[in-house]
Amino acid sequence: MVVAVARLGHRSKRDKRLSTHCALIARAFGAERMVYFGEKDAVLEASVRGVVSRWGGSFEIEHGNSWKRLFNEEKKRGTKIVHLTMYGLPYKRVLQSVKGKRLLVVIGSKKVPRGIYGEANYNCSITNQPHSEAGALAVFLEGLGLQSRFRGAKLRLKPSARGKRFTTKYK
């Protein structure tokens, strides 16, 4: 299963940490890439690429110019567009319909353009209460049960009840 994330409306000053967290969540839960829209942010891109360099894997981050173009390209590939919103269908129902399919998971930042709701194959809610897009993304991707592989890692952690235990040398 191929999964990508689209982050809408990134604002460099306001969203730098949250957009970074969304990218790290996407990577940790097995997505292959994140395309972000809004302001181009070299610091965001460098931060995410640095994590990939140290912790392994092939996750990619890129800036997009048109969410409509991305949606059209992905739909031609057979990708299902899942928009995470508090106004959608319950996520457990959506998960049953999309498991095993090629997905583009869409998360917002500022007010989401109205057209997103019509273009998405699924408008999916984690809850019908206000919540964070980072939290929604984590819950949804966890529900997909993707397998994460992080080949080429310079750093790896060994699970430990207390403290940090690296299995590779930390520099």
N, C-alpha and C. Protein backbone atom coordinates (compact mmCIF):
# COMPACT_ATOMS: atom_id res chain seq x y z
N MET A 1 0.85 -1.17 0.00
CA MET A 1 0.00 0.00 0.00
C MET A 1 0.90 1.24 0.00
N VAL A 2 0.61 2.17 -0.88
CA VAL A 2 1.34 3.44 -0.96
C VAL A 2 0.50 4.52 -0.30
N VAL A 3 1.10 5.23 0.65
CA VAL A 3 0.40 6.31 1.34
C VAL A 3 1.27 7.56 1.32
N ALA A 4 0.65 8.67 0.92
CA ALA A 4 1.29 9.98 0.96
C ALA A 4 0.39 10.91 1.75
N VAL A 5 0.96 12.00 2.22
CA VAL A 5 0.21 13.00 2.99
C VAL A 5 0.31 14.34 2.27
N ALA A 6 -0.80 15.05 2.20
CA ALA A 6 -0.82 16.42 1.68
C ALA A 6 -1.17 17.35 2.84
N ARG A 7 -0.31 18.31 3.10
CA ARG A 7 -0.51 19.30 4.17
C ARG A 7 -0.87 20.62 3.51
N LEU A 8 -2.06 21.12 3.77
CA LEU A 8 -2.56 22.33 3.13
C LEU A 8 -2.27 23.57 3.98
N GLY A 9 -2.01 24.69 3.31
CA GLY A 9 -1.97 25.99 3.98
C GLY A 9 -0.82 26.23 4.94
N HIS A 10 0.36 25.66 4.68
CA HIS A 10 1.49 25.87 5.58
C HIS A 10 1.90 27.34 5.62
N ARG A 11 2.10 27.85 6.83
CA ARG A 11 2.60 29.20 7.06
C ARG A 11 3.90 29.09 7.84
N SER A 12 5.00 29.53 7.22
CA SER A 12 6.34 29.32 7.77
C SER A 12 6.49 29.70 9.23
N LYS A 13 6.09 30.88 9.59
CA LYS A 13 6.28 31.33 10.97
C LYS A 13 5.31 30.66 11.94
N ARG A 14 4.08 30.55 11.55
CA ARG A 14 3.05 30.04 12.46
C ARG A 14 3.04 28.52 12.58
N ASP A 15 3.31 27.82 11.49
CA ASP A 15 3.12 26.36 11.45
C ASP A 15 4.40 25.55 11.45
N LYS A 16 5.57 26.19 11.63
CA LYS A 16 6.82 25.45 11.43
C LYS A 16 6.92 24.19 12.28
N ARG A 17 6.57 24.27 13.55
CA ARG A 17 6.66 23.07 14.40
C ARG A 17 5.58 22.06 14.07
N LEU A 18 4.35 22.54 13.89
CA LEU A 18 3.25 21.61 13.63
C LEU A 18 3.42 20.90 12.29
N SER A 19 3.87 21.61 11.27
CA SER A 19 4.10 20.96 9.98
C SER A 19 5.23 19.95 10.08
N THR A 20 6.27 20.28 10.85
CA THR A 20 7.36 19.32 11.07
C THR A 20 6.82 18.09 11.78
N HIS A 21 6.01 18.29 12.80
CA HIS A 21 5.42 17.15 13.53
C HIS A 21 4.56 16.30 12.61
N CYS A 22 3.79 16.92 11.73
CA CYS A 22 2.96 16.16 10.79
C CYS A 22 3.84 15.30 9.88
N ALA A 23 4.95 15.87 9.40
CA ALA A 23 5.87 15.11 8.55
C ALA A 23 6.48 13.95 9.32
N LEU A 24 6.89 14.19 10.55
CA LEU A 24 7.50 13.12 11.36
C LEU A 24 6.49 12.03 11.69
N ILE A 25 5.26 12.40 11.95
CA ILE A 25 4.21 11.41 12.19
C ILE A 25 3.99 10.59 10.93
N ALA A 26 3.89 11.25 9.79
CA ALA A 26 3.69 10.55 8.52
C ALA A 26 4.81 9.54 8.30
N ARG A 27 6.05 9.97 8.49
CA ARG A 27 7.21 9.09 8.31
C ARG A 27 7.17 7.92 9.29
N ALA A 28 6.96 8.21 10.57
CA ALA A 28 7.00 7.17 11.60
C ALA A 28 5.92 6.11 11.40
N PHE A 29 4.78 6.52 10.85
CA PHE A 29 3.67 5.58 10.67
C PHE A 29 3.61 5.00 9.26
N GLY A 30 4.66 5.19 8.46
CA GLY A 30 4.78 4.45 7.21
C GLY A 30 4.39 5.15 5.93
N ALA A 31 4.05 6.43 5.96
CA ALA A 31 3.79 7.15 4.70
C ALA A 31 5.11 7.31 3.95
N GLU A 32 5.02 7.43 2.64
CA GLU A 32 6.23 7.55 1.82
C GLU A 32 6.69 8.98 1.63
N ARG A 33 5.73 9.93 1.67
CA ARG A 33 6.11 11.32 1.44
C ARG A 33 5.04 12.25 1.96
N MET A 34 5.43 13.52 2.10
CA MET A 34 4.48 14.57 2.42
C MET A 34 4.71 15.71 1.43
N VAL A 35 3.62 16.14 0.81
CA VAL A 35 3.64 17.32 -0.05
C VAL A 35 2.93 18.41 0.74
N TYR A 36 3.59 19.55 0.91
CA TYR A 36 2.95 20.63 1.64
C TYR A 36 2.68 21.81 0.71
N PHE A 37 1.60 22.50 0.99
CA PHE A 37 1.17 23.64 0.18
C PHE A 37 1.12 24.88 1.06
N GLY A 38 1.23 26.02 0.44
CA GLY A 38 1.29 27.28 1.17
C GLY A 38 2.67 27.85 0.96
N GLU A 39 3.24 28.43 2.00
CA GLU A 39 4.55 29.04 1.89
C GLU A 39 5.64 27.98 1.79
N LYS A 40 6.56 28.16 0.83
CA LYS A 40 7.71 27.26 0.72
C LYS A 40 8.61 27.51 1.93
N ASP A 41 9.12 26.43 2.51
CA ASP A 41 9.84 26.53 3.78
C ASP A 41 11.07 25.63 3.76
N ALA A 42 12.22 26.22 3.43
CA ALA A 42 13.47 25.46 3.35
C ALA A 42 13.86 24.89 4.71
N VAL A 43 13.53 25.58 5.80
CA VAL A 43 13.87 25.10 7.14
C VAL A 43 13.08 23.83 7.46
N LEU A 44 11.79 23.82 7.14
CA LEU A 44 10.96 22.62 7.32
C LEU A 44 11.55 21.45 6.55
N GLU A 45 11.86 21.68 5.29
CA GLU A 45 12.39 20.61 4.44
C GLU A 45 13.71 20.09 4.98
N ALA A 46 14.62 20.99 5.37
CA ALA A 46 15.92 20.57 5.89
C ALA A 46 15.77 19.79 7.19
N SER A 47 14.87 20.21 8.05
CA SER A 47 14.64 19.52 9.32
C SER A 47 14.18 18.08 9.08
N VAL A 48 13.22 17.91 8.20
CA VAL A 48 12.69 16.57 7.93
C VAL A 48 13.75 15.72 7.24
N ARG A 49 14.47 16.28 6.29
CA ARG A 49 15.53 15.52 5.60
C ARG A 49 16.65 15.12 6.57
N GLY A 50 16.92 15.98 7.55
CA GLY A 50 17.91 15.64 8.56
C GLY A 50 17.49 14.44 9.40
N VAL A 51 16.24 14.38 9.76
CA VAL A 51 15.72 13.23 10.51
C VAL A 51 15.85 11.97 9.67
N VAL A 52 15.48 12.04 8.41
CA VAL A 52 15.57 10.88 7.52
C VAL A 52 17.03 10.44 7.39
N SER A 53 17.94 11.39 7.27
CA SER A 53 19.37 11.07 7.14
C SER A 53 19.89 10.32 8.37
N ARG A 54 19.48 10.76 9.55
CA ARG A 54 19.97 10.13 10.79
C ARG A 54 19.21 8.86 11.16
N TRP A 55 17.90 8.87 10.97
CA TRP A 55 17.06 7.78 11.47
C TRP A 55 16.64 6.80 10.38
N GLY A 56 17.04 7.06 9.13
CA GLY A 56 16.84 6.10 8.05
C GLY A 56 15.50 6.21 7.35
N GLY A 57 15.35 5.36 6.36
CA GLY A 57 14.14 5.34 5.56
C GLY A 57 14.28 6.18 4.30
N SER A 58 13.21 6.21 3.53
CA SER A 58 13.24 6.92 2.26
C SER A 58 12.14 7.98 2.17
N PHE A 59 11.65 8.45 3.30
CA PHE A 59 10.59 9.45 3.33
C PHE A 59 11.04 10.72 2.61
N GLU A 60 10.12 11.30 1.85
CA GLU A 60 10.42 12.52 1.11
C GLU A 60 9.45 13.63 1.50
N ILE A 61 9.94 14.86 1.43
CA ILE A 61 9.10 16.03 1.64
C ILE A 61 9.29 16.97 0.47
N GLU A 62 8.20 17.54 0.00
CA GLU A 62 8.30 18.47 -1.12
C GLU A 62 7.21 19.53 -1.02
N HIS A 63 7.49 20.66 -1.63
CA HIS A 63 6.53 21.75 -1.69
C HIS A 63 5.73 21.60 -2.98
N GLY A 64 4.42 21.75 -2.89
CA GLY A 64 3.55 21.69 -4.07
C GLY A 64 2.95 23.05 -4.37
N ASN A 65 2.63 23.28 -5.62
CA ASN A 65 2.05 24.56 -6.03
C ASN A 65 0.54 24.52 -6.12
N SER A 66 -0.02 23.35 -6.44
CA SER A 66 -1.46 23.26 -6.67
C SER A 66 -2.01 21.95 -6.13
N TRP A 67 -2.85 22.05 -5.10
CA TRP A 67 -3.45 20.81 -4.58
C TRP A 67 -4.35 20.19 -5.63
N LYS A 68 -4.99 21.01 -6.47
CA LYS A 68 -5.86 20.46 -7.52
C LYS A 68 -5.05 19.61 -8.49
N ARG A 69 -3.87 20.09 -8.87
CA ARG A 69 -3.02 19.32 -9.78
C ARG A 69 -2.61 18.00 -9.13
N LEU A 70 -2.20 18.06 -7.86
CA LEU A 70 -1.81 16.84 -7.15
C LEU A 70 -2.98 15.86 -7.08
N PHE A 71 -4.15 16.34 -6.73
CA PHE A 71 -5.33 15.47 -6.66
C PHE A 71 -5.58 14.81 -8.01
N ASN A 72 -5.54 15.58 -9.09
CA ASN A 72 -5.79 15.03 -10.43
C ASN A 72 -4.75 13.98 -10.80
N GLU A 73 -3.47 14.27 -10.53
CA GLU A 73 -2.41 13.29 -10.83
C GLU A 73 -2.61 12.01 -10.04
N GLU A 74 -2.92 12.15 -8.77
CA GLU A 74 -3.09 10.97 -7.92
C GLU A 74 -4.34 10.17 -8.31
N LYS A 75 -5.41 10.85 -8.65
CA LYS A 75 -6.62 10.13 -9.07
C LYS A 75 -6.38 9.33 -10.34
N LYS A 76 -5.55 9.86 -11.25
CA LYS A 76 -5.21 9.12 -12.48
C LYS A 76 -4.45 7.84 -12.15
N ARG A 77 -3.73 7.82 -11.04
CA ARG A 77 -2.99 6.63 -10.59
C ARG A 77 -3.87 5.66 -9.80
N GLY A 78 -5.12 6.04 -9.61
CA GLY A 78 -6.02 5.18 -8.83
C GLY A 78 -5.99 5.45 -7.35
N THR A 79 -5.37 6.53 -6.95
CA THR A 79 -5.27 6.90 -5.54
C THR A 79 -6.61 7.37 -5.00
N LYS A 80 -6.93 6.96 -3.80
CA LYS A 80 -8.11 7.46 -3.10
C LYS A 80 -7.68 8.63 -2.21
N ILE A 81 -8.44 9.71 -2.27
CA ILE A 81 -8.13 10.91 -1.50
C ILE A 81 -8.96 10.88 -0.22
N VAL A 82 -8.28 10.89 0.93
CA VAL A 82 -8.94 10.88 2.24
C VAL A 82 -8.62 12.19 2.95
N HIS A 83 -9.63 13.01 3.13
CA HIS A 83 -9.48 14.31 3.80
C HIS A 83 -9.87 14.15 5.26
N LEU A 84 -8.92 14.39 6.16
CA LEU A 84 -9.20 14.30 7.59
C LEU A 84 -9.78 15.63 8.07
N THR A 85 -11.00 15.57 8.59
CA THR A 85 -11.73 16.75 9.01
C THR A 85 -12.69 16.37 10.13
N MET A 86 -13.07 17.32 10.95
CA MET A 86 -14.04 16.98 12.00
C MET A 86 -15.46 16.85 11.45
N TYR A 87 -15.66 17.16 10.17
CA TYR A 87 -16.99 17.13 9.58
C TYR A 87 -17.28 15.85 8.80
N GLY A 88 -16.39 14.90 8.79
CA GLY A 88 -16.55 13.74 7.92
C GLY A 88 -17.20 12.54 8.57
N LEU A 89 -17.11 11.42 7.84
CA LEU A 89 -17.60 10.13 8.32
C LEU A 89 -16.67 9.58 9.39
N PRO A 90 -17.16 8.74 10.28
CA PRO A 90 -16.30 8.15 11.31
C PRO A 90 -15.11 7.40 10.69
N TYR A 91 -13.93 7.66 11.23
CA TYR A 91 -12.71 7.11 10.63
C TYR A 91 -12.68 5.59 10.60
N LYS A 92 -13.26 4.92 11.57
CA LYS A 92 -13.22 3.45 11.56
C LYS A 92 -13.99 2.90 10.37
N ARG A 93 -15.05 3.56 9.97
CA ARG A 93 -15.81 3.14 8.79
C ARG A 93 -14.98 3.38 7.52
N VAL A 94 -14.32 4.54 7.46
CA VAL A 94 -13.49 4.86 6.30
C VAL A 94 -12.31 3.89 6.20
N LEU A 95 -11.69 3.58 7.33
CA LEU A 95 -10.55 2.64 7.32
C LEU A 95 -10.93 1.31 6.67
N GLN A 96 -12.12 0.81 6.97
CA GLN A 96 -12.56 -0.45 6.38
C GLN A 96 -12.62 -0.37 4.86
N SER A 97 -12.95 0.79 4.33
CA SER A 97 -13.10 0.96 2.89
C SER A 97 -11.77 1.19 2.17
N VAL A 98 -10.76 1.70 2.87
CA VAL A 98 -9.53 2.11 2.17
C VAL A 98 -8.31 1.25 2.45
N LYS A 99 -8.39 0.34 3.40
CA LYS A 99 -7.22 -0.49 3.70
C LYS A 99 -6.76 -1.23 2.45
N GLY A 100 -5.46 -1.20 2.23
CA GLY A 100 -4.88 -1.88 1.09
C GLY A 100 -4.87 -1.07 -0.20
N LYS A 101 -5.45 0.12 -0.18
CA LYS A 101 -5.51 0.96 -1.38
C LYS A 101 -4.43 2.03 -1.33
N ARG A 102 -4.12 2.54 -2.49
CA ARG A 102 -3.20 3.67 -2.62
C ARG A 102 -3.94 4.91 -2.10
N LEU A 103 -3.30 5.67 -1.17
CA LEU A 103 -3.99 6.78 -0.51
C LEU A 103 -3.19 8.07 -0.52
N LEU A 104 -3.92 9.17 -0.62
CA LEU A 104 -3.40 10.50 -0.32
C LEU A 104 -4.23 11.01 0.84
N VAL A 105 -3.59 11.17 2.00
CA VAL A 105 -4.27 11.63 3.21
C VAL A 105 -4.05 13.14 3.32
N VAL A 106 -5.14 13.88 3.37
CA VAL A 106 -5.08 15.34 3.33
C VAL A 106 -5.39 15.92 4.71
N ILE A 107 -4.50 16.82 5.15
CA ILE A 107 -4.71 17.52 6.42
C ILE A 107 -4.59 19.02 6.18
N GLY A 108 -5.38 19.78 6.91
CA GLY A 108 -5.39 21.22 6.74
C GLY A 108 -4.52 21.94 7.73
N SER A 109 -4.52 23.24 7.60
CA SER A 109 -3.86 24.13 8.54
C SER A 109 -4.84 25.26 8.82
N LYS A 110 -4.81 26.27 7.99
CA LYS A 110 -5.84 27.30 8.11
C LYS A 110 -7.11 26.77 7.46
N LYS A 111 -8.08 27.60 7.27
CA LYS A 111 -9.36 27.17 6.69
C LYS A 111 -9.12 26.42 5.37
N VAL A 112 -9.68 25.24 5.27
CA VAL A 112 -9.50 24.39 4.10
C VAL A 112 -10.41 24.89 2.97
N PRO A 113 -9.87 24.97 1.74
CA PRO A 113 -10.71 25.39 0.61
C PRO A 113 -11.92 24.47 0.46
N ARG A 114 -13.05 25.05 0.16
CA ARG A 114 -14.31 24.31 0.02
C ARG A 114 -14.20 23.15 -0.98
N GLY A 115 -13.43 23.37 -2.04
CA GLY A 115 -13.29 22.36 -3.08
C GLY A 115 -12.69 21.04 -2.60
N ILE A 116 -11.93 21.08 -1.53
CA ILE A 116 -11.33 19.86 -0.98
C ILE A 116 -12.42 18.85 -0.63
N TYR A 117 -13.48 19.32 -0.01
CA TYR A 117 -14.56 18.43 0.43
C TYR A 117 -15.19 17.71 -0.76
N GLY A 118 -15.33 18.40 -1.88
CA GLY A 118 -15.93 17.79 -3.06
C GLY A 118 -14.98 16.90 -3.83
N GLU A 119 -13.69 17.24 -3.82
CA GLU A 119 -12.70 16.47 -4.57
C GLU A 119 -12.25 15.20 -3.84
N ALA A 120 -12.34 15.20 -2.52
CA ALA A 120 -11.92 14.03 -1.75
C ALA A 120 -12.89 12.87 -1.99
N ASN A 121 -12.33 11.67 -2.04
CA ASN A 121 -13.19 10.48 -2.10
C ASN A 121 -13.86 10.23 -0.76
N TYR A 122 -13.16 10.59 0.31
CA TYR A 122 -13.68 10.40 1.67
C TYR A 122 -13.34 11.63 2.51
N ASN A 123 -14.34 12.18 3.18
CA ASN A 123 -14.12 13.16 4.23
C ASN A 123 -14.28 12.39 5.53
N CYS A 124 -13.22 12.33 6.30
CA CYS A 124 -13.10 11.38 7.39
C CYS A 124 -12.83 12.11 8.70
N SER A 125 -13.62 11.81 9.73
CA SER A 125 -13.41 12.45 11.03
C SER A 125 -12.89 11.45 12.05
N ILE A 126 -11.88 11.88 12.80
CA ILE A 126 -11.41 11.10 13.93
C ILE A 126 -12.40 11.30 15.07
N THR A 127 -12.88 12.52 15.19
CA THR A 127 -13.93 12.89 16.13
C THR A 127 -14.65 14.10 15.56
N ASN A 128 -15.87 14.31 15.95
CA ASN A 128 -16.62 15.48 15.48
C ASN A 128 -16.46 16.66 16.43
N GLN A 129 -15.35 16.69 17.13
CA GLN A 129 -15.00 17.79 18.02
C GLN A 129 -13.71 18.43 17.50
N PRO A 130 -13.45 19.69 17.83
CA PRO A 130 -12.19 20.32 17.40
C PRO A 130 -10.99 19.50 17.89
N HIS A 131 -10.03 19.32 17.00
CA HIS A 131 -8.82 18.56 17.34
C HIS A 131 -7.69 18.96 16.42
N SER A 132 -6.51 18.47 16.72
CA SER A 132 -5.30 18.78 15.97
C SER A 132 -5.19 17.90 14.74
N GLU A 133 -4.71 18.49 13.64
CA GLU A 133 -4.46 17.69 12.44
C GLU A 133 -3.34 16.68 12.67
N ALA A 134 -2.39 16.99 13.54
CA ALA A 134 -1.32 16.03 13.84
C ALA A 134 -1.89 14.81 14.56
N GLY A 135 -2.77 15.05 15.52
CA GLY A 135 -3.41 13.94 16.23
C GLY A 135 -4.26 13.10 15.30
N ALA A 136 -5.03 13.77 14.45
CA ALA A 136 -5.89 13.05 13.50
C ALA A 136 -5.05 12.19 12.56
N LEU A 137 -3.94 12.75 12.09
CA LEU A 137 -3.07 12.01 11.17
C LEU A 137 -2.50 10.77 11.85
N ALA A 138 -2.04 10.92 13.09
CA ALA A 138 -1.47 9.78 13.82
C ALA A 138 -2.51 8.68 14.02
N VAL A 139 -3.69 9.04 14.45
CA VAL A 139 -4.74 8.05 14.68
C VAL A 139 -5.10 7.33 13.38
N PHE A 140 -5.27 8.09 12.30
CA PHE A 140 -5.66 7.48 11.03
C PHE A 140 -4.57 6.55 10.50
N LEU A 141 -3.32 7.02 10.48
CA LEU A 141 -2.23 6.19 9.95
C LEU A 141 -2.01 4.95 10.81
N GLU A 142 -2.14 5.08 12.12
CA GLU A 142 -2.04 3.91 13.01
C GLU A 142 -3.12 2.90 12.64
N GLY A 143 -4.30 3.37 12.34
CA GLY A 143 -5.41 2.49 11.96
C GLY A 143 -5.16 1.73 10.67
N LEU A 144 -4.33 2.29 9.79
CA LEU A 144 -4.00 1.59 8.54
C LEU A 144 -3.06 0.42 8.79
N GLY A 145 -2.29 0.47 9.87
CA GLY A 145 -1.39 -0.63 10.21
C GLY A 145 -0.25 -0.81 9.22
N LEU A 146 0.30 0.29 8.72
CA LEU A 146 1.40 0.21 7.76
C LEU A 146 2.65 -0.32 8.43
N GLN A 147 3.49 -0.97 7.68
CA GLN A 147 4.77 -1.45 8.18
C GLN A 147 5.82 -0.39 7.89
N SER A 148 6.52 0.05 8.90
CA SER A 148 7.55 1.07 8.73
C SER A 148 8.91 0.41 8.71
N ARG A 149 9.70 0.75 7.69
CA ARG A 149 11.08 0.26 7.60
C ARG A 149 11.98 1.46 7.46
N PHE A 150 13.06 1.45 8.19
CA PHE A 150 13.95 2.59 8.20
C PHE A 150 15.38 2.13 7.87
N ARG A 151 15.55 1.70 6.64
CA ARG A 151 16.86 1.24 6.17
C ARG A 151 17.84 2.41 6.14
N GLY A 152 19.10 2.09 6.39
CA GLY A 152 20.14 3.10 6.32
C GLY A 152 20.22 4.01 7.54
N ALA A 153 19.61 3.60 8.63
CA ALA A 153 19.61 4.44 9.83
C ALA A 153 21.01 4.52 10.44
N LYS A 154 21.40 5.72 10.81
CA LYS A 154 22.63 5.92 11.56
C LYS A 154 22.34 5.78 13.06
N LEU A 155 21.08 5.99 13.42
CA LEU A 155 20.65 5.88 14.81
C LEU A 155 19.50 4.90 14.92
N ARG A 156 19.55 4.08 15.95
CA ARG A 156 18.44 3.19 16.28
C ARG A 156 18.36 3.12 17.80
N LEU A 157 17.15 3.04 18.29
CA LEU A 157 16.94 2.92 19.73
C LEU A 157 16.54 1.50 20.08
N LYS A 158 17.04 1.04 21.21
CA LYS A 158 16.59 -0.23 21.76
C LYS A 158 15.54 0.12 22.81
N PRO A 159 14.36 -0.51 22.76
CA PRO A 159 13.33 -0.20 23.76
C PRO A 159 13.88 -0.35 25.18
N SER A 160 13.56 0.60 26.02
CA SER A 160 14.08 0.62 27.38
C SER A 160 13.05 1.27 28.30
N ALA A 161 12.88 0.70 29.48
CA ALA A 161 11.95 1.27 30.45
C ALA A 161 12.44 2.60 30.99
N ARG A 162 13.77 2.79 31.00
CA ARG A 162 14.35 4.03 31.51
C ARG A 162 15.54 4.42 30.64
N GLY A 163 15.57 5.67 30.26
CA GLY A 163 16.74 6.20 29.56
C GLY A 163 16.77 5.85 28.08
N LYS A 164 17.83 6.33 27.46
CA LYS A 164 18.04 6.12 26.03
C LYS A 164 19.08 5.02 25.85
N ARG A 165 18.75 4.04 25.05
CA ARG A 165 19.70 2.97 24.74
C ARG A 165 19.78 2.87 23.23
N PHE A 166 20.87 3.35 22.68
CA PHE A 166 21.08 3.30 21.24
C PHE A 166 21.75 1.99 20.87
N THR A 167 21.31 1.40 19.76
CA THR A 167 21.96 0.19 19.27
C THR A 167 23.02 0.53 18.24
N THR A 168 23.05 1.77 17.78
CA THR A 168 24.12 2.25 16.91
C THR A 168 24.75 3.44 17.60
N LYS A 169 25.97 3.73 17.23
CA LYS A 169 26.71 4.79 17.91
C LYS A 169 26.09 6.15 17.65
N TYR A 170 25.85 6.86 18.73
CA TYR A 170 25.31 8.21 18.65
C TYR A 170 26.48 9.19 18.65
N LYS A 171 26.49 10.07 17.66
CA LYS A 171 27.59 11.05 17.56
C LYS A 171 27.10 12.42 17.92
